[in-house]
Amino acid sequence: MQSQVVTTKSNMSKRYTAEFKRDAVALALSSDKTVTEVARDLGVSPEGLRGWVKQAKADRGAGPTGALTSAGREELVRLWRKVREQGATIEVLGKATPFFARDKMR
């Protein structure tokens, strides 16, 4: 399996394709080697591969109690983004209210 880098965020951080991650997780779970050894063979960080394995287990329902699935994480990110946007809207409306109230009282 060859490492497939999608983008480079910095000199230290790489993004891998979903297919590469899926194959790396499958190899780690089916191998007699440790995750660290598999990671070294693939040229990825052991911490990264451990995270991928942990997330894959959670996605299959085999993770720890309360672990978020990938879909759950995406939904949480979407909701937090929406909360931030609504907070900004409320702030703008709060600042605009006195202006419109003064205008209406004339």
PDB file of N, CA and C in Angstrom:
ATOM      1  N   MET A   1       0.859  -1.162   0.000  1.00  0.00           N
ATOM      2  CA  MET A   1       0.000   0.000   0.000  1.00  0.00           C
ATOM      3  C   MET A   1       0.906   1.225   0.000  1.00  0.00           C
ATOM      4  N   GLN A   2       0.618   2.147  -0.882  1.00  0.00           N
ATOM      5  CA  GLN A   2       1.428   3.340  -1.006  1.00  0.00           C
ATOM      6  C   GLN A   2       0.708   4.519  -0.374  1.00  0.00           C
ATOM      7  N   SER A   3       1.454   5.339   0.357  1.00  0.00           N
ATOM      8  CA  SER A   3       0.882   6.511   1.017  1.00  0.00           C
ATOM      9  C   SER A   3       0.357   7.492  -0.022  1.00  0.00           C
ATOM     10  N   GLN A   4      -0.875   7.917   0.155  1.00  0.00           N
ATOM     11  CA  GLN A   4      -1.473   8.879  -0.763  1.00  0.00           C
ATOM     12  C   GLN A   4      -1.761  10.158   0.001  1.00  0.00           C
ATOM     13  N   VAL A   5      -0.986  11.184  -0.289  1.00  0.00           N
ATOM     14  CA  VAL A   5      -1.157  12.455   0.387  1.00  0.00           C
ATOM     15  C   VAL A   5      -2.072  13.323  -0.454  1.00  0.00           C
ATOM     16  N   VAL A   6      -3.114  13.867   0.168  1.00  0.00           N
ATOM     17  CA  VAL A   6      -4.052  14.737  -0.533  1.00  0.00           C
ATOM     18  C   VAL A   6      -3.511  16.157  -0.564  1.00  0.00           C
ATOM     19  N   THR A   7      -3.235  16.718   0.599  1.00  0.00           N
ATOM     20  CA  THR A   7      -2.685  18.061   0.685  1.00  0.00           C
ATOM     21  C   THR A   7      -1.683  18.103   1.817  1.00  0.00           C
ATOM     22  N   THR A   8      -0.825  19.095   1.762  1.00  0.00           N
ATOM     23  CA  THR A   8       0.112  19.306   2.844  1.00  0.00           C
ATOM     24  C   THR A   8      -0.283  20.586   3.553  1.00  0.00           C
ATOM     25  N   LYS A   9      -0.659  20.482   4.825  1.00  0.00           N
ATOM     26  CA  LYS A   9      -1.037  21.653   5.602  1.00  0.00           C
ATOM     27  C   LYS A   9       0.199  22.412   6.062  1.00  0.00           C
ATOM     28  N   SER A  10       1.245  21.701   6.397  1.00  0.00           N
ATOM     29  CA  SER A  10       2.503  22.307   6.815  1.00  0.00           C
ATOM     30  C   SER A  10       3.601  21.295   6.542  1.00  0.00           C
ATOM     31  N   ASN A  11       4.787  21.627   6.954  1.00  0.00           N
ATOM     32  CA  ASN A  11       5.888  20.687   6.750  1.00  0.00           C
ATOM     33  C   ASN A  11       5.702  19.417   7.565  1.00  0.00           C
ATOM     34  N   MET A  12       4.972  19.483   8.677  1.00  0.00           N
ATOM     35  CA  MET A  12       4.841  18.353   9.571  1.00  0.00           C
ATOM     36  C   MET A  12       3.537  17.576   9.395  1.00  0.00           C
ATOM     37  N   SER A  13       2.522  18.167   8.841  1.00  0.00           N
ATOM     38  CA  SER A  13       1.205  17.553   8.809  1.00  0.00           C
ATOM     39  C   SER A  13       0.779  17.238   7.379  1.00  0.00           C
ATOM     40  N   LYS A  14       0.283  16.015   7.172  1.00  0.00           N
ATOM     41  CA  LYS A  14      -0.179  15.593   5.850  1.00  0.00           C
ATOM     42  C   LYS A  14      -1.612  15.115   5.975  1.00  0.00           C
ATOM     43  N   ARG A  15      -2.346  15.229   4.892  1.00  0.00           N
ATOM     44  CA  ARG A  15      -3.706  14.684   4.855  1.00  0.00           C
ATOM     45  C   ARG A  15      -3.689  13.490   3.911  1.00  0.00           C
ATOM     46  N   TYR A  16      -4.293  12.408   4.364  1.00  0.00           N
ATOM     47  CA  TYR A  16      -4.340  11.180   3.577  1.00  0.00           C
ATOM     48  C   TYR A  16      -5.755  10.959   3.065  1.00  0.00           C
ATOM     49  N   THR A  17      -5.852  10.253   1.942  1.00  0.00           N
ATOM     50  CA  THR A  17      -7.164   9.971   1.365  1.00  0.00           C
ATOM     51  C   THR A  17      -7.943   9.026   2.282  1.00  0.00           C
ATOM     52  N   ALA A  18      -9.258   9.064   2.164  1.00  0.00           N
ATOM     53  CA  ALA A  18     -10.113   8.179   2.956  1.00  0.00           C
ATOM     54  C   ALA A  18      -9.802   6.717   2.637  1.00  0.00           C
ATOM     55  N   GLU A  19      -9.507   6.447   1.375  1.00  0.00           N
ATOM     56  CA  GLU A  19      -9.182   5.076   0.965  1.00  0.00           C
ATOM     57  C   GLU A  19      -7.902   4.596   1.649  1.00  0.00           C
ATOM     58  N   PHE A  20      -6.886   5.452   1.690  1.00  0.00           N
ATOM     59  CA  PHE A  20      -5.629   5.085   2.344  1.00  0.00           C
ATOM     60  C   PHE A  20      -5.873   4.810   3.827  1.00  0.00           C
ATOM     61  N   LYS A  21      -6.634   5.687   4.478  1.00  0.00           N
ATOM     62  CA  LYS A  21      -6.916   5.507   5.897  1.00  0.00           C
ATOM     63  C   LYS A  21      -7.661   4.201   6.144  1.00  0.00           C
ATOM     64  N   ARG A  22      -8.667   3.924   5.296  1.00  0.00           N
ATOM     65  CA  ARG A  22      -9.450   2.693   5.435  1.00  0.00           C
ATOM     66  C   ARG A  22      -8.545   1.469   5.307  1.00  0.00           C
ATOM     67  N   ASP A  23      -7.662   1.480   4.304  1.00  0.00           N
ATOM     68  CA  ASP A  23      -6.746   0.358   4.096  1.00  0.00           C
ATOM     69  C   ASP A  23      -5.740   0.233   5.240  1.00  0.00           C
ATOM     70  N   ALA A  24      -5.264   1.368   5.746  1.00  0.00           N
ATOM     71  CA  ALA A  24      -4.306   1.343   6.851  1.00  0.00           C
ATOM     72  C   ALA A  24      -4.957   0.773   8.101  1.00  0.00           C
ATOM     73  N   VAL A  25      -6.199   1.154   8.374  1.00  0.00           N
ATOM     74  CA  VAL A  25      -6.928   0.636   9.532  1.00  0.00           C
ATOM     75  C   VAL A  25      -7.137  -0.868   9.378  1.00  0.00           C
ATOM     76  N   ALA A  26      -7.549  -1.292   8.202  1.00  0.00           N
ATOM     77  CA  ALA A  26      -7.765  -2.726   7.966  1.00  0.00           C
ATOM     78  C   ALA A  26      -6.476  -3.508   8.195  1.00  0.00           C
ATOM     79  N   LEU A  27      -5.362  -2.961   7.727  1.00  0.00           N
ATOM     80  CA  LEU A  27      -4.071  -3.620   7.911  1.00  0.00           C
ATOM     81  C   LEU A  27      -3.710  -3.669   9.393  1.00  0.00           C
ATOM     82  N   ALA A  28      -3.911  -2.577  10.103  1.00  0.00           N
ATOM     83  CA  ALA A  28      -3.579  -2.534  11.532  1.00  0.00           C
ATOM     84  C   ALA A  28      -4.414  -3.528  12.325  1.00  0.00           C
ATOM     85  N   LEU A  29      -5.688  -3.661  11.972  1.00  0.00           N
ATOM     86  CA  LEU A  29      -6.572  -4.563  12.706  1.00  0.00           C
ATOM     87  C   LEU A  29      -6.331  -6.037  12.378  1.00  0.00           C
ATOM     88  N   SER A  30      -5.842  -6.295  11.173  1.00  0.00           N
ATOM     89  CA  SER A  30      -5.655  -7.692  10.768  1.00  0.00           C
ATOM     90  C   SER A  30      -4.223  -8.187  10.963  1.00  0.00           C
ATOM     91  N   SER A  31      -3.320  -7.300  11.261  1.00  0.00           N
ATOM     92  CA  SER A  31      -1.903  -7.654  11.364  1.00  0.00           C
ATOM     93  C   SER A  31      -1.553  -8.171  12.751  1.00  0.00           C
ATOM     94  N   ASP A  32      -0.521  -8.985  12.804  1.00  0.00           N
ATOM     95  CA  ASP A  32       0.020  -9.439  14.083  1.00  0.00           C
ATOM     96  C   ASP A  32       0.953  -8.389  14.671  1.00  0.00           C
ATOM     97  N   LYS A  33       1.285  -7.386  13.854  1.00  0.00           N
ATOM     98  CA  LYS A  33       2.192  -6.325  14.298  1.00  0.00           C
ATOM     99  C   LYS A  33       1.445  -5.329  15.175  1.00  0.00           C
ATOM    100  N   THR A  34       2.217  -4.558  15.934  1.00  0.00           N
ATOM    101  CA  THR A  34       1.615  -3.497  16.736  1.00  0.00           C
ATOM    102  C   THR A  34       1.237  -2.344  15.814  1.00  0.00           C
ATOM    103  N   VAL A  35       0.385  -1.466  16.314  1.00  0.00           N
ATOM    104  CA  VAL A  35      -0.016  -0.294  15.537  1.00  0.00           C
ATOM    105  C   VAL A  35       1.217   0.541  15.199  1.00  0.00           C
ATOM    106  N   THR A  36       2.145   0.652  16.141  1.00  0.00           N
ATOM    107  CA  THR A  36       3.368   1.425  15.906  1.00  0.00           C
ATOM    108  C   THR A  36       4.169   0.822  14.758  1.00  0.00           C
ATOM    109  N   GLU A  37       4.288  -0.493  14.716  1.00  0.00           N
ATOM    110  CA  GLU A  37       5.036  -1.153  13.641  1.00  0.00           C
ATOM    111  C   GLU A  37       4.345  -0.966  12.295  1.00  0.00           C
ATOM    112  N   VAL A  38       3.024  -1.104  12.276  1.00  0.00           N
ATOM    113  CA  VAL A  38       2.272  -0.913  11.029  1.00  0.00           C
ATOM    114  C   VAL A  38       2.428   0.530  10.558  1.00  0.00           C
ATOM    115  N   ALA A  39       2.323   1.463  11.484  1.00  0.00           N
ATOM    116  CA  ALA A  39       2.472   2.881  11.138  1.00  0.00           C
ATOM    117  C   ALA A  39       3.849   3.145  10.547  1.00  0.00           C
ATOM    118  N   ARG A  40       4.872   2.595  11.156  1.00  0.00           N
ATOM    119  CA  ARG A  40       6.238   2.771  10.649  1.00  0.00           C
ATOM    120  C   ARG A  40       6.353   2.204   9.229  1.00  0.00           C
ATOM    121  N   ASP A  41       5.770   1.023   9.000  1.00  0.00           N
ATOM    122  CA  ASP A  41       5.809   0.403   7.671  1.00  0.00           C
ATOM    123  C   ASP A  41       5.105   1.274   6.626  1.00  0.00           C
ATOM    124  N   LEU A  42       4.036   1.953   7.029  1.00  0.00           N
ATOM    125  CA  LEU A  42       3.264   2.779   6.094  1.00  0.00           C
ATOM    126  C   LEU A  42       3.796   4.201   5.970  1.00  0.00           C
ATOM    127  N   GLY A  43       4.657   4.602   6.894  1.00  0.00           N
ATOM    128  CA  GLY A  43       5.194   5.949   6.856  1.00  0.00           C
ATOM    129  C   GLY A  43       4.248   6.995   7.418  1.00  0.00           C
ATOM    130  N   VAL A  44       3.401   6.581   8.369  1.00  0.00           N
ATOM    131  CA  VAL A  44       2.487   7.518   9.024  1.00  0.00           C
ATOM    132  C   VAL A  44       2.815   7.539  10.514  1.00  0.00           C
ATOM    133  N   SER A  45       2.297   8.529  11.217  1.00  0.00           N
ATOM    134  CA  SER A  45       2.573   8.603  12.652  1.00  0.00           C
ATOM    135  C   SER A  45       1.746   7.554  13.389  1.00  0.00           C
ATOM    136  N   PRO A  46       2.332   6.946  14.403  1.00  0.00           N
ATOM    137  CA  PRO A  46       1.579   5.966  15.194  1.00  0.00           C
ATOM    138  C   PRO A  46       0.336   6.579  15.838  1.00  0.00           C
ATOM    139  N   GLU A  47       0.446   7.835  16.303  1.00  0.00           N
ATOM    140  CA  GLU A  47      -0.697   8.502  16.921  1.00  0.00           C
ATOM    141  C   GLU A  47      -1.822   8.689  15.904  1.00  0.00           C
ATOM    142  N   GLY A  48      -1.456   9.028  14.692  1.00  0.00           N
ATOM    143  CA  GLY A  48      -2.456   9.201  13.638  1.00  0.00           C
ATOM    144  C   GLY A  48      -3.170   7.901  13.325  1.00  0.00           C
ATOM    145  N   LEU A  49      -2.410   6.832  13.175  1.00  0.00           N
ATOM    146  CA  LEU A  49      -3.011   5.528  12.872  1.00  0.00           C
ATOM    147  C   LEU A  49      -3.881   5.058  14.035  1.00  0.00           C
ATOM    148  N   ARG A  50      -3.436   5.280  15.273  1.00  0.00           N
ATOM    149  CA  ARG A  50      -4.253   4.918  16.426  1.00  0.00           C
ATOM    150  C   ARG A  50      -5.587   5.669  16.401  1.00  0.00           C
ATOM    151  N   GLY A  51      -5.530   6.943  16.039  1.00  0.00           N
ATOM    152  CA  GLY A  51      -6.754   7.739  15.942  1.00  0.00           C
ATOM    153  C   GLY A  51      -7.686   7.213  14.871  1.00  0.00           C
ATOM    154  N   TRP A  52      -7.129   6.823  13.725  1.00  0.00           N
ATOM    155  CA  TRP A  52      -7.948   6.278  12.640  1.00  0.00           C
ATOM    156  C   TRP A  52      -8.612   4.979  13.084  1.00  0.00           C
ATOM    157  N   VAL A  53      -7.842   4.125  13.783  1.00  0.00           N
ATOM    158  CA  VAL A  53      -8.382   2.840  14.260  1.00  0.00           C
ATOM    159  C   VAL A  53      -9.491   3.098  15.277  1.00  0.00           C
ATOM    160  N   LYS A  54      -9.251   4.011  16.199  1.00  0.00           N
ATOM    161  CA  LYS A  54     -10.247   4.343  17.224  1.00  0.00           C
ATOM    162  C   LYS A  54     -11.532   4.858  16.580  1.00  0.00           C
ATOM    163  N   GLN A  55     -11.393   5.747  15.574  1.00  0.00           N
ATOM    164  CA  GLN A  55     -12.569   6.298  14.903  1.00  0.00           C
ATOM    165  C   GLN A  55     -13.306   5.213  14.117  1.00  0.00           C
ATOM    166  N   ALA A  56     -12.565   4.322  13.470  1.00  0.00           N
ATOM    167  CA  ALA A  56     -13.192   3.234  12.714  1.00  0.00           C
ATOM    168  C   ALA A  56     -13.989   2.322  13.646  1.00  0.00           C
ATOM    169  N   LYS A  57     -13.448   2.058  14.820  1.00  0.00           N
ATOM    170  CA  LYS A  57     -14.169   1.227  15.795  1.00  0.00           C
ATOM    171  C   LYS A  57     -15.439   1.935  16.247  1.00  0.00           C
ATOM    172  N   ALA A  58     -15.349   3.228  16.509  1.00  0.00           N
ATOM    173  CA  ALA A  58     -16.532   3.991  16.931  1.00  0.00           C
ATOM    174  C   ALA A  58     -17.586   3.998  15.831  1.00  0.00           C
ATOM    175  N   ASP A  59     -17.162   4.136  14.571  1.00  0.00           N
ATOM    176  CA  ASP A  59     -18.099   4.141  13.447  1.00  0.00           C
ATOM    177  C   ASP A  59     -18.830   2.811  13.320  1.00  0.00           C
ATOM    178  N   ARG A  60     -18.173   1.734  13.734  1.00  0.00           N
ATOM    179  CA  ARG A  60     -18.801   0.402  13.667  1.00  0.00           C
ATOM    180  C   ARG A  60     -19.582   0.080  14.932  1.00  0.00           C
ATOM    181  N   GLY A  61     -19.591   1.007  15.891  1.00  0.00           N
ATOM    182  CA  GLY A  61     -20.302   0.765  17.141  1.00  0.00           C
ATOM    183  C   GLY A  61     -19.503  -0.041  18.136  1.00  0.00           C
ATOM    184  N   ALA A  62     -18.224  -0.239  17.863  1.00  0.00           N
ATOM    185  CA  ALA A  62     -17.374  -1.032  18.743  1.00  0.00           C
ATOM    186  C   ALA A  62     -16.473  -0.150  19.601  1.00  0.00           C
ATOM    187  N   GLY A  63     -16.702   1.143  19.572  1.00  0.00           N
ATOM    188  CA  GLY A  63     -15.877   2.058  20.354  1.00  0.00           C
ATOM    189  C   GLY A  63     -16.365   2.149  21.788  1.00  0.00           C
ATOM    190  N   PRO A  64     -15.694   2.985  22.576  1.00  0.00           N
ATOM    191  CA  PRO A  64     -16.134   3.158  23.964  1.00  0.00           C
ATOM    192  C   PRO A  64     -17.506   3.806  24.040  1.00  0.00           C
ATOM    193  N   THR A  65     -18.183   3.623  25.138  1.00  0.00           N
ATOM    194  CA  THR A  65     -19.513   4.200  25.343  1.00  0.00           C
ATOM    195  C   THR A  65     -19.433   5.714  25.180  1.00  0.00           C
ATOM    196  N   GLY A  66     -20.335   6.259  24.372  1.00  0.00           N
ATOM    197  CA  GLY A  66     -20.379   7.701  24.166  1.00  0.00           C
ATOM    198  C   GLY A  66     -19.453   8.216  23.082  1.00  0.00           C
ATOM    199  N   ALA A  67     -18.685   7.349  22.438  1.00  0.00           N
ATOM    200  CA  ALA A  67     -17.771   7.788  21.378  1.00  0.00           C
ATOM    201  C   ALA A  67     -18.580   8.270  20.174  1.00  0.00           C
ATOM    202  N   LEU A  68     -18.173   9.391  19.619  1.00  0.00           N
ATOM    203  CA  LEU A  68     -18.876   9.942  18.454  1.00  0.00           C
ATOM    204  C   LEU A  68     -18.464   9.217  17.180  1.00  0.00           C
ATOM    205  N   THR A  69     -19.440   8.930  16.348  1.00  0.00           N
ATOM    206  CA  THR A  69     -19.136   8.392  15.023  1.00  0.00           C
ATOM    207  C   THR A  69     -18.677   9.549  14.143  1.00  0.00           C
ATOM    208  N   SER A  70     -18.156   9.244  12.976  1.00  0.00           N
ATOM    209  CA  SER A  70     -17.744  10.298  12.042  1.00  0.00           C
ATOM    210  C   SER A  70     -18.933  11.170  11.670  1.00  0.00           C
ATOM    211  N   ALA A  71     -20.081  10.545  11.439  1.00  0.00           N
ATOM    212  CA  ALA A  71     -21.286  11.306  11.100  1.00  0.00           C
ATOM    213  C   ALA A  71     -21.697  12.198  12.266  1.00  0.00           C
ATOM    214  N   GLY A  72     -21.576  11.685  13.476  1.00  0.00           N
ATOM    215  CA  GLY A  72     -21.898  12.477  14.658  1.00  0.00           C
ATOM    216  C   GLY A  72     -20.967  13.667  14.812  1.00  0.00           C
ATOM    217  N   ARG A  73     -19.677  13.453  14.534  1.00  0.00           N
ATOM    218  CA  ARG A  73     -18.705  14.556  14.593  1.00  0.00           C
ATOM    219  C   ARG A  73     -19.038  15.633  13.569  1.00  0.00           C
ATOM    220  N   GLU A  74     -19.355  15.199  12.354  1.00  0.00           N
ATOM    221  CA  GLU A  74     -19.698  16.168  11.303  1.00  0.00           C
ATOM    222  C   GLU A  74     -20.937  16.967  11.685  1.00  0.00           C
ATOM    223  N   GLU A  75     -21.928  16.306  12.264  1.00  0.00           N
ATOM    224  CA  GLU A  75     -23.142  16.986  12.698  1.00  0.00           C
ATOM    225  C   GLU A  75     -22.825  17.974  13.815  1.00  0.00           C
ATOM    226  N   LEU A  76     -21.975  17.585  14.740  1.00  0.00           N
ATOM    227  CA  LEU A  76     -21.589  18.474  15.838  1.00  0.00           C
ATOM    228  C   LEU A  76     -20.877  19.718  15.312  1.00  0.00           C
ATOM    229  N   VAL A  77     -19.969  19.531  14.372  1.00  0.00           N
ATOM    230  CA  VAL A  77     -19.266  20.671  13.761  1.00  0.00           C
ATOM    231  C   VAL A  77     -20.265  21.587  13.062  1.00  0.00           C
ATOM    232  N   ARG A  78     -21.203  20.989  12.320  1.00  0.00           N
ATOM    233  CA  ARG A  78     -22.218  21.780  11.616  1.00  0.00           C
ATOM    234  C   ARG A  78     -23.057  22.585  12.601  1.00  0.00           C
ATOM    235  N   LEU A  79     -23.452  21.967  13.693  1.00  0.00           N
ATOM    236  CA  LEU A  79     -24.280  22.654  14.683  1.00  0.00           C
ATOM    237  C   LEU A  79     -23.524  23.768  15.395  1.00  0.00           C
ATOM    238  N   TRP A  80     -22.253  23.532  15.738  1.00  0.00           N
ATOM    239  CA  TRP A  80     -21.455  24.589  16.369  1.00  0.00           C
ATOM    240  C   TRP A  80     -21.281  25.769  15.424  1.00  0.00           C
ATOM    241  N   ARG A  81     -21.082  25.485  14.137  1.00  0.00           N
ATOM    242  CA  ARG A  81     -20.967  26.557  13.144  1.00  0.00           C
ATOM    243  C   ARG A  81     -22.258  27.376  13.096  1.00  0.00           C
ATOM    244  N   LYS A  82     -23.393  26.667  13.135  1.00  0.00           N
ATOM    245  CA  LYS A  82     -24.693  27.340  13.099  1.00  0.00           C
ATOM    246  C   LYS A  82     -24.892  28.204  14.348  1.00  0.00           C
ATOM    247  N   VAL A  83     -24.479  27.704  15.500  1.00  0.00           N
ATOM    248  CA  VAL A  83     -24.584  28.469  16.744  1.00  0.00           C
ATOM    249  C   VAL A  83     -23.756  29.753  16.644  1.00  0.00           C
ATOM    250  N   ARG A  84     -22.535  29.655  16.108  1.00  0.00           N
ATOM    251  CA  ARG A  84     -21.696  30.851  15.940  1.00  0.00           C
ATOM    252  C   ARG A  84     -22.357  31.860  15.016  1.00  0.00           C
ATOM    253  N   GLU A  85     -22.912  31.380  13.901  1.00  0.00           N
ATOM    254  CA  GLU A  85     -23.579  32.272  12.944  1.00  0.00           C
ATOM    255  C   GLU A  85     -24.787  32.940  13.583  1.00  0.00           C
ATOM    256  N   GLN A  86     -25.579  32.183  14.339  1.00  0.00           N
ATOM    257  CA  GLN A  86     -26.747  32.764  14.995  1.00  0.00           C
ATOM    258  C   GLN A  86     -26.331  33.761  16.073  1.00  0.00           C
ATOM    259  N   GLY A  87     -25.239  33.475  16.766  1.00  0.00           N
ATOM    260  CA  GLY A  87     -24.725  34.418  17.754  1.00  0.00           C
ATOM    261  C   GLY A  87     -24.331  35.735  17.113  1.00  0.00           C
ATOM    262  N   ALA A  88     -23.684  35.659  15.939  1.00  0.00           N
ATOM    263  CA  ALA A  88     -23.297  36.874  15.219  1.00  0.00           C
ATOM    264  C   ALA A  88     -24.539  37.645  14.765  1.00  0.00           C
ATOM    265  N   THR A  89     -25.551  36.935  14.304  1.00  0.00           N
ATOM    266  CA  THR A  89     -26.802  37.579  13.885  1.00  0.00           C
ATOM    267  C   THR A  89     -27.470  38.279  15.056  1.00  0.00           C
ATOM    268  N   ILE A  90     -27.515  37.613  16.197  1.00  0.00           N
ATOM    269  CA  ILE A  90     -28.121  38.203  17.395  1.00  0.00           C
ATOM    270  C   ILE A  90     -27.357  39.457  17.808  1.00  0.00           C
ATOM    271  N   GLU A  91     -26.044  39.414  17.717  1.00  0.00           N
ATOM    272  CA  GLU A  91     -25.226  40.576  18.077  1.00  0.00           C
ATOM    273  C   GLU A  91     -25.535  41.759  17.164  1.00  0.00           C
ATOM    274  N   VAL A  92     -25.625  41.508  15.862  1.00  0.00           N
ATOM    275  CA  VAL A  92     -25.943  42.573  14.904  1.00  0.00           C
ATOM    276  C   VAL A  92     -27.330  43.134  15.186  1.00  0.00           C
ATOM    277  N   LEU A  93     -28.297  42.268  15.404  1.00  0.00           N
ATOM    278  CA  LEU A  93     -29.660  42.725  15.692  1.00  0.00           C
ATOM    279  C   LEU A  93     -29.722  43.512  16.999  1.00  0.00           C
ATOM    280  N   GLY A  94     -28.959  43.068  17.988  1.00  0.00           N
ATOM    281  CA  GLY A  94     -28.917  43.782  19.252  1.00  0.00           C
ATOM    282  C   GLY A  94     -28.368  45.186  19.101  1.00  0.00           C
ATOM    283  N   LYS A  95     -27.353  45.338  18.245  1.00  0.00           N
ATOM    284  CA  LYS A  95     -26.775  46.662  18.005  1.00  0.00           C
ATOM    285  C   LYS A  95     -27.703  47.533  17.157  1.00  0.00           C
ATOM    286  N   ALA A  96     -28.478  46.904  16.290  1.00  0.00           N
ATOM    287  CA  ALA A  96     -29.364  47.657  15.397  1.00  0.00           C
ATOM    288  C   ALA A  96     -30.666  48.067  16.087  1.00  0.00           C
ATOM    289  N   THR A  97     -31.090  47.346  17.100  1.00  0.00           N
ATOM    290  CA  THR A  97     -32.366  47.620  17.761  1.00  0.00           C
ATOM    291  C   THR A  97     -32.481  49.058  18.273  1.00  0.00           C
ATOM    292  N   PRO A  98     -31.489  49.584  19.000  1.00  0.00           N
ATOM    293  CA  PRO A  98     -31.627  50.979  19.469  1.00  0.00           C
ATOM    294  C   PRO A  98     -31.750  51.971  18.304  1.00  0.00           C
ATOM    295  N   PHE A  99     -31.046  51.725  17.241  1.00  0.00           N
ATOM    296  CA  PHE A  99     -31.124  52.613  16.070  1.00  0.00           C
ATOM    297  C   PHE A  99     -32.546  52.656  15.513  1.00  0.00           C
ATOM    298  N   PHE A 100     -33.150  51.501  15.327  1.00  0.00           N
ATOM    299  CA  PHE A 100     -34.511  51.450  14.776  1.00  0.00           C
ATOM    300  C   PHE A 100     -35.540  51.956  15.790  1.00  0.00           C
ATOM    301  N   ALA A 101     -35.293  51.724  17.072  1.00  0.00           N
ATOM    302  CA  ALA A 101     -36.206  52.214  18.113  1.00  0.00           C
ATOM    303  C   ALA A 101     -36.208  53.736  18.139  1.00  0.00           C
ATOM    304  N   ARG A 102     -35.046  54.359  18.026  1.00  0.00           N
ATOM    305  CA  ARG A 102     -34.972  55.828  17.986  1.00  0.00           C
ATOM    306  C   ARG A 102     -35.684  56.362  16.758  1.00  0.00           C
ATOM    307  N   ASP A 103     -35.471  55.720  15.613  1.00  0.00           N
ATOM    308  CA  ASP A 103     -36.059  56.143  14.362  1.00  0.00           C
ATOM    309  C   ASP A 103     -37.587  56.068  14.426  1.00  0.00           C
ATOM    310  N   LYS A 104     -38.113  55.047  15.084  1.00  0.00           N
ATOM    311  CA  LYS A 104     -39.554  54.832  15.154  1.00  0.00           C
ATOM    312  C   LYS A 104     -40.230  55.836  16.106  1.00  0.00           C
ATOM    313  N   MET A 105     -39.491  56.338  17.093  1.00  0.00           N
ATOM    314  CA  MET A 105     -40.057  57.241  18.097  1.00  0.00           C
ATOM    315  C   MET A 105     -40.186  58.669  17.560  1.00  0.00           C
ATOM    316  N   ARG A 106     -39.601  58.965  16.445  1.00  0.00           N
ATOM    317  CA  ARG A 106     -39.675  60.324  15.876  1.00  0.00           C
ATOM    318  C   ARG A 106     -40.987  60.570  15.233  1.00  0.00           C
TER     319      ARG A 106
END
